[in-house]
Amino acid sequence: MPSERQYRREIVLFGKMLHDRGYVAAMDGNLSVRLDEERILATPTSMCKGMMRPSDMVIVDLEGKRLSGRRSVSSEIGMHLLIYKLRPDVQSVVHAHPKTATGFAAAGIALNKPLVCEVVIGLGSIPLAKYGTPGTPELADALAPLVPSYDAILMSNHGVVTYGPDLHQAYMKMETVEHFAEIALVTHMLGRQQPLQGQELEKLMTIRTKYQGLKSAAPLPLAVPYGNADGSYHDGRTAVSEKEIPQGVSAGGRASGRPR
């Protein structure tokens, strides 16, 4: 397991990558790593992610109280703590505002159509959480139904959050979301989409179970209807009728009801 010193360096590295790729501007975004069962290492508030040093990080407890560090804790730490609480398998969280994906979030459009096979295998789909004011319990409440089932979420009128077994995986999922958003935008500009469906999707779901690069305890369901004559939605694992879907949650995007 990496040391705290290594984690600090990783946060600096991936923070700079977020900034260099234009996924954050000014003092936007935040990153965190679970140090142990009681402590989270996180980026501080009001600091450019491209100009951080290892010593700038703060350590908080599971209530968000600062345990060490000279800088202030981000007002969005609650979002990170929620994810760590609901997903014991998650060790790192990345929040950013990549332009294209955030554009979809601002337009109220989920990235939930199976247009690219790699995204189906790696993320399933990327749902859209309802709007919640940043830095308030509203944001955590909006994310809570989706966190157990997905590894990447669009936040309405806000940005994107991704998470995984380490900071590298969490960051790579952010890249995947933005890349997929760019592809989806092109299909919208062309005025035509050709989603994968039926047996094509079933094969990808089978491949997913054997894919060595996928390390997630989430079911990662698909969120579009296909192939069911009764009008239910098939996510590769369970069939869900439309009337069972809670308001504000895409088909196939229901939380499991128990933390994973």
C-alpha atoms as a PDB file:
ATOM      1  CA  MET A   1       0.000   0.000   0.000  1.00  0.00           C
ATOM      2  CA  PRO A   2       1.373   3.457  -0.883  1.00  0.00           C
ATOM      3  CA  SER A   3       2.447   5.702   1.963  1.00  0.00           C
ATOM      4  CA  GLU A   4       0.735   8.965   2.843  1.00  0.00           C
ATOM      5  CA  ARG A   5       3.683  10.749   1.255  1.00  0.00           C
ATOM      6  CA  GLN A   6       3.090   8.902  -2.024  1.00  0.00           C
ATOM      7  CA  TYR A   7      -0.627   9.699  -1.928  1.00  0.00           C
ATOM      8  CA  ARG A   8       0.150  13.385  -1.510  1.00  0.00           C
ATOM      9  CA  ARG A   9       2.386  13.287  -4.571  1.00  0.00           C
ATOM     10  CA  GLU A  10      -0.276  11.452  -6.580  1.00  0.00           C
ATOM     11  CA  ILE A  11      -2.888  14.067  -5.746  1.00  0.00           C
ATOM     12  CA  VAL A  12      -0.506  16.794  -6.919  1.00  0.00           C
ATOM     13  CA  LEU A  13       0.164  14.857 -10.143  1.00  0.00           C
ATOM     14  CA  PHE A  14      -3.449  14.147 -11.041  1.00  0.00           C
ATOM     15  CA  GLY A  15      -4.557  17.602  -9.949  1.00  0.00           C
ATOM     16  CA  LYS A  16      -2.089  19.077 -12.426  1.00  0.00           C
ATOM     17  CA  MET A  17      -3.342  16.698 -15.116  1.00  0.00           C
ATOM     18  CA  LEU A  18      -6.920  17.856 -14.505  1.00  0.00           C
ATOM     19  CA  HIS A  19      -5.795  21.471 -14.835  1.00  0.00           C
ATOM     20  CA  ASP A  20      -3.575  20.896 -17.877  1.00  0.00           C
ATOM     21  CA  ARG A  21      -6.372  19.106 -19.762  1.00  0.00           C
ATOM     22  CA  GLY A  22      -8.826  21.883 -19.010  1.00  0.00           C
ATOM     23  CA  TYR A  23     -11.033  19.746 -16.800  1.00  0.00           C
ATOM     24  CA  VAL A  24     -10.894  22.432 -14.108  1.00  0.00           C
ATOM     25  CA  ALA A  25     -10.385  26.198 -14.164  1.00  0.00           C
ATOM     26  CA  ALA A  26      -9.218  28.622 -11.493  1.00  0.00           C
ATOM     27  CA  MET A  27      -9.800  26.864  -8.147  1.00  0.00           C
ATOM     28  CA  ASP A  28     -12.423  24.347  -9.339  1.00  0.00           C
ATOM     29  CA  GLY A  29     -12.507  20.653  -8.519  1.00  0.00           C
ATOM     30  CA  ASN A  30     -11.215  18.442  -5.749  1.00  0.00           C
ATOM     31  CA  LEU A  31      -9.513  15.078  -5.241  1.00  0.00           C
ATOM     32  CA  SER A  32      -9.270  12.742  -2.278  1.00  0.00           C
ATOM     33  CA  VAL A  33      -7.818   9.420  -1.142  1.00  0.00           C
ATOM     34  CA  ARG A  34      -8.936   7.127   1.660  1.00  0.00           C
ATOM     35  CA  LEU A  35      -5.909   6.716   3.960  1.00  0.00           C
ATOM     36  CA  ASP A  36      -7.573   4.229   6.314  1.00  0.00           C
ATOM     37  CA  GLU A  37     -10.950   3.515   7.892  1.00  0.00           C
ATOM     38  CA  GLU A  38     -10.974   6.827   9.746  1.00  0.00           C
ATOM     39  CA  ARG A  39      -9.019   9.360   7.644  1.00  0.00           C
ATOM     40  CA  ILE A  40      -9.338  10.980   4.212  1.00  0.00           C
ATOM     41  CA  LEU A  41      -6.555  12.919   2.486  1.00  0.00           C
ATOM     42  CA  ALA A  42      -8.026  15.693   0.302  1.00  0.00           C
ATOM     43  CA  THR A  43      -7.250  18.819  -1.656  1.00  0.00           C
ATOM     44  CA  PRO A  44      -7.932  22.058   0.236  1.00  0.00           C
ATOM     45  CA  THR A  45     -10.381  24.767  -0.714  1.00  0.00           C
ATOM     46  CA  SER A  46      -9.508  27.843  -2.777  1.00  0.00           C
ATOM     47  CA  MET A  47      -6.446  26.466  -4.524  1.00  0.00           C
ATOM     48  CA  CYS A  48      -5.623  25.940  -8.203  1.00  0.00           C
ATOM     49  CA  LYS A  49      -5.246  22.231  -8.878  1.00  0.00           C
ATOM     50  CA  GLY A  50      -2.327  22.938 -11.183  1.00  0.00           C
ATOM     51  CA  MET A  51      -0.313  24.730  -8.483  1.00  0.00           C
ATOM     52  CA  MET A  52      -0.535  22.408  -5.480  1.00  0.00           C
ATOM     53  CA  ARG A  53       2.270  21.017  -3.369  1.00  0.00           C
ATOM     54  CA  PRO A  54       2.143  17.805  -1.288  1.00  0.00           C
ATOM     55  CA  SER A  55       2.138  19.856   1.905  1.00  0.00           C
ATOM     56  CA  ASP A  56      -1.042  21.691   0.844  1.00  0.00           C
ATOM     57  CA  MET A  57      -3.310  18.679   1.438  1.00  0.00           C
ATOM     58  CA  VAL A  58      -5.578  18.324   4.441  1.00  0.00           C
ATOM     59  CA  ILE A  59      -6.582  15.221   6.384  1.00  0.00           C
ATOM     60  CA  VAL A  60     -10.168  14.955   7.624  1.00  0.00           C
ATOM     61  CA  ASP A  61     -12.154  12.412   9.597  1.00  0.00           C
ATOM     62  CA  LEU A  62     -15.334  10.766   8.336  1.00  0.00           C
ATOM     63  CA  GLU A  63     -17.366  13.726   9.558  1.00  0.00           C
ATOM     64  CA  GLY A  64     -15.291  16.192   7.527  1.00  0.00           C
ATOM     65  CA  LYS A  65     -13.453  17.632  10.529  1.00  0.00           C
ATOM     66  CA  ARG A  66      -9.870  18.674   9.796  1.00  0.00           C
ATOM     67  CA  LEU A  67      -7.334  16.535  11.628  1.00  0.00           C
ATOM     68  CA  SER A  68      -4.185  18.016  10.098  1.00  0.00           C
ATOM     69  CA  GLY A  69      -3.067  20.526   7.469  1.00  0.00           C
ATOM     70  CA  ARG A  70      -2.711  24.281   7.486  1.00  0.00           C
ATOM     71  CA  ARG A  71      -5.271  25.001   4.755  1.00  0.00           C
ATOM     72  CA  SER A  72      -9.062  24.945   4.971  1.00  0.00           C
ATOM     73  CA  VAL A  73     -11.226  21.944   4.056  1.00  0.00           C
ATOM     74  CA  SER A  74     -13.240  22.110   0.818  1.00  0.00           C
ATOM     75  CA  SER A  75     -16.940  22.811   1.227  1.00  0.00           C
ATOM     76  CA  GLU A  76     -17.560  19.846  -1.113  1.00  0.00           C
ATOM     77  CA  ILE A  77     -15.885  17.283   1.158  1.00  0.00           C
ATOM     78  CA  GLY A  78     -19.360  15.947   2.004  1.00  0.00           C
ATOM     79  CA  MET A  79     -19.684  14.552  -1.520  1.00  0.00           C
ATOM     80  CA  HIS A  80     -16.450  12.586  -1.062  1.00  0.00           C
ATOM     81  CA  LEU A  81     -17.465  11.319   2.374  1.00  0.00           C
ATOM     82  CA  LEU A  82     -20.818  10.124   1.018  1.00  0.00           C
ATOM     83  CA  ILE A  83     -19.095   8.076  -1.693  1.00  0.00           C
ATOM     84  CA  TYR A  84     -16.658   6.511   0.777  1.00  0.00           C
ATOM     85  CA  LYS A  85     -19.564   5.650   3.073  1.00  0.00           C
ATOM     86  CA  LEU A  86     -21.714   4.035   0.387  1.00  0.00           C
ATOM     87  CA  ARG A  87     -18.850   2.350  -1.462  1.00  0.00           C
ATOM     88  CA  PRO A  88     -16.336   0.563   0.810  1.00  0.00           C
ATOM     89  CA  ASP A  89     -14.503  -0.591  -2.315  1.00  0.00           C
ATOM     90  CA  VAL A  90     -13.719   2.993  -3.352  1.00  0.00           C
ATOM     91  CA  GLN A  91     -10.343   4.401  -2.319  1.00  0.00           C
ATOM     92  CA  SER A  92     -10.227   7.623  -4.359  1.00  0.00           C
ATOM     93  CA  VAL A  93     -12.617  10.305  -5.632  1.00  0.00           C
ATOM     94  CA  VAL A  94     -12.140  12.925  -8.359  1.00  0.00           C
ATOM     95  CA  HIS A  95     -14.495  15.851  -8.993  1.00  0.00           C
ATOM     96  CA  ALA A  96     -13.999  18.168 -11.972  1.00  0.00           C
ATOM     97  CA  HIS A  97     -15.798  20.279 -14.578  1.00  0.00           C
ATOM     98  CA  PRO A  98     -14.675  18.930 -17.977  1.00  0.00           C
ATOM     99  CA  LYS A  99     -16.268  21.187 -20.563  1.00  0.00           C
ATOM    100  CA  THR A 100     -18.196  18.792 -22.793  1.00  0.00           C
ATOM    101  CA  ALA A 101     -19.464  16.483 -20.073  1.00  0.00           C
ATOM    102  CA  THR A 102     -20.428  19.462 -17.916  1.00  0.00           C
ATOM    103  CA  GLY A 103     -22.233  20.890 -20.945  1.00  0.00           C
ATOM    104  CA  PHE A 104     -24.381  17.758 -21.047  1.00  0.00           C
ATOM    105  CA  ALA A 105     -24.991  18.117 -17.298  1.00  0.00           C
ATOM    106  CA  ALA A 106     -26.003  21.764 -17.770  1.00  0.00           C
ATOM    107  CA  ALA A 107     -28.345  20.745 -20.586  1.00  0.00           C
ATOM    108  CA  GLY A 108     -29.947  18.070 -18.402  1.00  0.00           C
ATOM    109  CA  ILE A 109     -28.812  15.220 -20.669  1.00  0.00           C
ATOM    110  CA  ALA A 110     -27.415  11.985 -19.239  1.00  0.00           C
ATOM    111  CA  LEU A 111     -24.704  10.089 -21.103  1.00  0.00           C
ATOM    112  CA  ASN A 112     -26.725   6.905 -20.940  1.00  0.00           C
ATOM    113  CA  LYS A 113     -26.865   5.570 -24.482  1.00  0.00           C
ATOM    114  CA  PRO A 114     -24.579   2.648 -25.457  1.00  0.00           C
ATOM    115  CA  LEU A 115     -22.813   4.364 -28.336  1.00  0.00           C
ATOM    116  CA  VAL A 116     -19.257   3.169 -27.652  1.00  0.00           C
ATOM    117  CA  CYS A 117     -18.368  -0.390 -26.658  1.00  0.00           C
ATOM    118  CA  GLU A 118     -15.477   0.592 -24.370  1.00  0.00           C
ATOM    119  CA  VAL A 119     -17.788   2.789 -22.292  1.00  0.00           C
ATOM    120  CA  VAL A 120     -20.358  -0.004 -21.977  1.00  0.00           C
ATOM    121  CA  ILE A 121     -17.649  -2.320 -20.661  1.00  0.00           C
ATOM    122  CA  GLY A 122     -15.919   0.167 -18.377  1.00  0.00           C
ATOM    123  CA  LEU A 123     -18.744   2.326 -17.019  1.00  0.00           C
ATOM    124  CA  GLY A 124     -22.062   0.896 -18.208  1.00  0.00           C
ATOM    125  CA  SER A 125     -23.556   4.338 -18.549  1.00  0.00           C
ATOM    126  CA  ILE A 126     -23.181   7.765 -16.946  1.00  0.00           C
ATOM    127  CA  PRO A 127     -26.389   8.908 -15.247  1.00  0.00           C
ATOM    128  CA  LEU A 128     -27.445  12.444 -14.443  1.00  0.00           C
ATOM    129  CA  ALA A 129     -28.059  13.363 -10.802  1.00  0.00           C
ATOM    130  CA  LYS A 130     -30.580  16.077 -10.035  1.00  0.00           C
ATOM    131  CA  TYR A 131     -29.248  19.492  -9.060  1.00  0.00           C
ATOM    132  CA  GLY A 132     -27.999  20.015  -5.527  1.00  0.00           C
ATOM    133  CA  THR A 133     -26.387  23.205  -4.220  1.00  0.00           C
ATOM    134  CA  PRO A 134     -22.608  22.663  -3.885  1.00  0.00           C
ATOM    135  CA  GLY A 135     -21.355  22.555  -0.315  1.00  0.00           C
ATOM    136  CA  THR A 136     -24.783  21.631   1.106  1.00  0.00           C
ATOM    137  CA  PRO A 137     -26.478  18.317   1.999  1.00  0.00           C
ATOM    138  CA  GLU A 138     -28.584  18.764  -1.149  1.00  0.00           C
ATOM    139  CA  LEU A 139     -25.649  17.601  -3.282  1.00  0.00           C
ATOM    140  CA  ALA A 140     -25.114  14.410  -1.290  1.00  0.00           C
ATOM    141  CA  ASP A 141     -28.865  13.727  -1.320  1.00  0.00           C
ATOM    142  CA  ALA A 142     -28.886  14.038  -5.118  1.00  0.00           C
ATOM    143  CA  LEU A 143     -25.957  11.645  -5.535  1.00  0.00           C
ATOM    144  CA  ALA A 144     -26.944   9.044  -2.942  1.00  0.00           C
ATOM    145  CA  PRO A 145     -29.380   7.015  -5.125  1.00  0.00           C
ATOM    146  CA  LEU A 146     -26.773   6.619  -7.877  1.00  0.00           C
ATOM    147  CA  VAL A 147     -23.447   6.114  -6.085  1.00  0.00           C
ATOM    148  CA  PRO A 148     -23.938   2.396  -5.242  1.00  0.00           C
ATOM    149  CA  SER A 149     -24.619   1.470  -8.873  1.00  0.00           C
ATOM    150  CA  TYR A 150     -22.277   3.690 -10.908  1.00  0.00           C
ATOM    151  CA  ASP A 151     -18.610   4.762 -10.961  1.00  0.00           C
ATOM    152  CA  ALA A 152     -19.184   8.072 -12.777  1.00  0.00           C
ATOM    153  CA  ILE A 153     -22.024  10.568 -12.400  1.00  0.00           C
ATOM    154  CA  LEU A 154     -22.975  13.812 -14.106  1.00  0.00           C
ATOM    155  CA  MET A 155     -24.223  16.441 -11.648  1.00  0.00           C
ATOM    156  CA  SER A 156     -26.871  18.755 -13.089  1.00  0.00           C
ATOM    157  CA  ASN A 157     -25.586  22.296 -13.713  1.00  0.00           C
ATOM    158  CA  HIS A 158     -22.363  21.454 -11.889  1.00  0.00           C
ATOM    159  CA  GLY A 159     -19.854  18.909 -13.170  1.00  0.00           C
ATOM    160  CA  VAL A 160     -18.721  15.289 -12.927  1.00  0.00           C
ATOM    161  CA  VAL A 161     -17.607  12.987 -10.130  1.00  0.00           C
ATOM    162  CA  THR A 162     -15.738   9.715 -10.656  1.00  0.00           C
ATOM    163  CA  TYR A 163     -14.272   7.241  -8.192  1.00  0.00           C
ATOM    164  CA  GLY A 164     -12.400   3.964  -8.064  1.00  0.00           C
ATOM    165  CA  PRO A 165      -9.963   1.638  -6.274  1.00  0.00           C
ATOM    166  CA  ASP A 166      -7.115   4.133  -6.610  1.00  0.00           C
ATOM    167  CA  LEU A 167      -6.521   7.682  -7.784  1.00  0.00           C
ATOM    168  CA  HIS A 168      -5.229   6.571 -11.181  1.00  0.00           C
ATOM    169  CA  GLN A 169      -8.445   4.647 -11.924  1.00  0.00           C
ATOM    170  CA  ALA A 170     -10.649   7.470 -10.648  1.00  0.00           C
ATOM    171  CA  TYR A 171      -8.842   9.977 -12.868  1.00  0.00           C
ATOM    172  CA  MET A 172      -8.967   7.705 -15.932  1.00  0.00           C
ATOM    173  CA  LYS A 173     -12.722   7.407 -15.529  1.00  0.00           C
ATOM    174  CA  MET A 174     -12.918  11.201 -15.666  1.00  0.00           C
ATOM    175  CA  GLU A 175     -11.018  11.124 -18.977  1.00  0.00           C
ATOM    176  CA  THR A 176     -13.374   8.423 -20.266  1.00  0.00           C
ATOM    177  CA  VAL A 177     -16.454  10.464 -19.365  1.00  0.00           C
ATOM    178  CA  GLU A 178     -15.171  13.560 -21.156  1.00  0.00           C
ATOM    179  CA  HIS A 179     -14.034  11.580 -24.212  1.00  0.00           C
ATOM    180  CA  PHE A 180     -17.422   9.886 -24.452  1.00  0.00           C
ATOM    181  CA  ALA A 181     -19.196  13.236 -24.049  1.00  0.00           C
ATOM    182  CA  GLU A 182     -17.221  14.592 -27.006  1.00  0.00           C
ATOM    183  CA  ILE A 183     -18.234  11.598 -29.124  1.00  0.00           C
ATOM    184  CA  ALA A 184     -21.880  11.910 -28.052  1.00  0.00           C
ATOM    185  CA  LEU A 185     -21.823  15.607 -28.941  1.00  0.00           C
ATOM    186  CA  VAL A 186     -20.610  14.771 -32.453  1.00  0.00           C
ATOM    187  CA  THR A 187     -23.530  12.355 -32.909  1.00  0.00           C
ATOM    188  CA  HIS A 188     -25.910  15.117 -31.840  1.00  0.00           C
ATOM    189  CA  MET A 189     -24.297  17.491 -34.344  1.00  0.00           C
ATOM    190  CA  LEU A 190     -24.633  14.880 -37.071  1.00  0.00           C
ATOM    191  CA  GLY A 191     -28.283  14.427 -36.134  1.00  0.00           C
ATOM    192  CA  ARG A 192     -28.037  10.671 -35.865  1.00  0.00           C
ATOM    193  CA  GLN A 193     -27.131   8.066 -33.257  1.00  0.00           C
ATOM    194  CA  GLN A 194     -26.692   4.335 -33.677  1.00  0.00           C
ATOM    195  CA  PRO A 195     -26.762   2.780 -30.194  1.00  0.00           C
ATOM    196  CA  LEU A 196     -25.610  -0.778 -29.659  1.00  0.00           C
ATOM    197  CA  GLN A 197     -28.479  -3.094 -28.822  1.00  0.00           C
ATOM    198  CA  GLY A 198     -29.712  -6.639 -28.330  1.00  0.00           C
ATOM    199  CA  GLN A 199     -27.090  -9.357 -28.679  1.00  0.00           C
ATOM    200  CA  GLU A 200     -24.362  -6.777 -29.222  1.00  0.00           C
ATOM    201  CA  LEU A 201     -24.903  -5.492 -25.697  1.00  0.00           C
ATOM    202  CA  GLU A 202     -25.261  -8.956 -24.212  1.00  0.00           C
ATOM    203  CA  LYS A 203     -21.832  -9.866 -25.611  1.00  0.00           C
ATOM    204  CA  LEU A 204     -20.291  -6.733 -24.123  1.00  0.00           C
ATOM    205  CA  MET A 205     -21.811  -7.501 -20.719  1.00  0.00           C
ATOM    206  CA  THR A 206     -20.260 -10.960 -20.909  1.00  0.00           C
ATOM    207  CA  ILE A 207     -16.889  -9.501 -21.875  1.00  0.00           C
ATOM    208  CA  ARG A 208     -17.120  -7.118 -18.935  1.00  0.00           C
ATOM    209  CA  THR A 209     -17.090 -10.013 -16.456  1.00  0.00           C
ATOM    210  CA  LYS A 210     -13.754 -11.148 -17.890  1.00  0.00           C
ATOM    211  CA  TYR A 211     -12.156  -7.736 -18.382  1.00  0.00           C
ATOM    212  CA  GLN A 212      -9.065  -7.517 -16.182  1.00  0.00           C
ATOM    213  CA  GLY A 213      -9.001  -3.715 -16.288  1.00  0.00           C
ATOM    214  CA  LEU A 214     -12.417  -3.375 -14.601  1.00  0.00           C
ATOM    215  CA  LYS A 215     -12.165  -3.200 -10.816  1.00  0.00           C
ATOM    216  CA  SER A 216     -15.515  -2.154  -9.427  1.00  0.00           C
ATOM    217  CA  ALA A 217     -18.024  -3.548  -6.963  1.00  0.00           C
ATOM    218  CA  ALA A 218     -20.845  -1.623  -8.672  1.00  0.00           C
ATOM    219  CA  PRO A 219     -23.236  -3.334 -11.116  1.00  0.00           C
ATOM    220  CA  LEU A 220     -22.675  -0.534 -13.688  1.00  0.00           C
ATOM    221  CA  PRO A 221     -26.062  -1.017 -15.371  1.00  0.00           C
ATOM    222  CA  LEU A 222     -27.010   0.206 -18.802  1.00  0.00           C
ATOM    223  CA  ALA A 223     -29.679   2.882 -18.791  1.00  0.00           C
ATOM    224  CA  VAL A 224     -31.550   2.503 -22.075  1.00  0.00           C
ATOM    225  CA  PRO A 225     -34.349   0.128 -23.052  1.00  0.00           C
ATOM    226  CA  TYR A 226     -33.602  -2.601 -25.531  1.00  0.00           C
ATOM    227  CA  GLY A 227     -35.049  -5.899 -26.662  1.00  0.00           C
ATOM    228  CA  ASN A 228     -37.880  -6.344 -24.163  1.00  0.00           C
ATOM    229  CA  ALA A 229     -41.326  -6.780 -25.657  1.00  0.00           C
ATOM    230  CA  ASP A 230     -43.067  -5.958 -22.367  1.00  0.00           C
ATOM    231  CA  GLY A 231     -41.653  -2.446 -22.245  1.00  0.00           C
ATOM    232  CA  SER A 232     -39.290  -3.145 -19.355  1.00  0.00           C
ATOM    233  CA  TYR A 233     -35.726  -1.912 -19.254  1.00  0.00           C
ATOM    234  CA  HIS A 234     -32.927  -4.455 -19.381  1.00  0.00           C
ATOM    235  CA  ASP A 235     -29.608  -3.560 -17.802  1.00  0.00           C
ATOM    236  CA  GLY A 236     -27.742  -6.770 -18.469  1.00  0.00           C
ATOM    237  CA  ARG A 237     -28.557  -8.121 -14.997  1.00  0.00           C
ATOM    238  CA  THR A 238     -32.170  -7.329 -14.120  1.00  0.00           C
ATOM    239  CA  ALA A 239     -35.295  -6.166 -15.901  1.00  0.00           C
ATOM    240  CA  VAL A 240     -36.946  -3.072 -14.441  1.00  0.00           C
ATOM    241  CA  SER A 241     -40.328  -1.769 -15.507  1.00  0.00           C
ATOM    242  CA  GLU A 242     -40.584   1.942 -16.143  1.00  0.00           C
ATOM    243  CA  LYS A 243     -43.160   2.456 -13.397  1.00  0.00           C
ATOM    244  CA  GLU A 244     -40.671   1.157 -10.823  1.00  0.00           C
ATOM    245  CA  ILE A 245     -38.081   3.799 -11.647  1.00  0.00           C
ATOM    246  CA  PRO A 246     -37.927   6.630  -9.074  1.00  0.00           C
ATOM    247  CA  GLN A 247     -38.390  10.148 -10.389  1.00  0.00           C
ATOM    248  CA  GLY A 248     -35.075  11.697 -11.394  1.00  0.00           C
ATOM    249  CA  VAL A 249     -33.276   8.371 -11.882  1.00  0.00           C
ATOM    250  CA  SER A 250     -32.613   6.956 -15.345  1.00  0.00           C
ATOM    251  CA  ALA A 251     -33.899   3.514 -16.198  1.00  0.00           C
ATOM    252  CA  GLY A 252     -31.488   0.913 -14.925  1.00  0.00           C
ATOM    253  CA  GLY A 253     -29.946   3.439 -12.563  1.00  0.00           C
ATOM    254  CA  ARG A 254     -31.530   2.501  -9.257  1.00  0.00           C
ATOM    255  CA  ALA A 255     -29.362   2.117  -6.203  1.00  0.00           C
ATOM    256  CA  SER A 256     -29.215  -1.384  -4.775  1.00  0.00           C
ATOM    257  CA  GLY A 257     -30.590  -0.377  -1.395  1.00  0.00           C
ATOM    258  CA  ARG A 258     -27.505  -1.469   0.510  1.00  0.00           C
ATOM    259  CA  PRO A 259     -23.970  -0.047   0.415  1.00  0.00           C
ATOM    260  CA  ARG A 260     -21.392  -2.097  -1.442  1.00  0.00           C
END
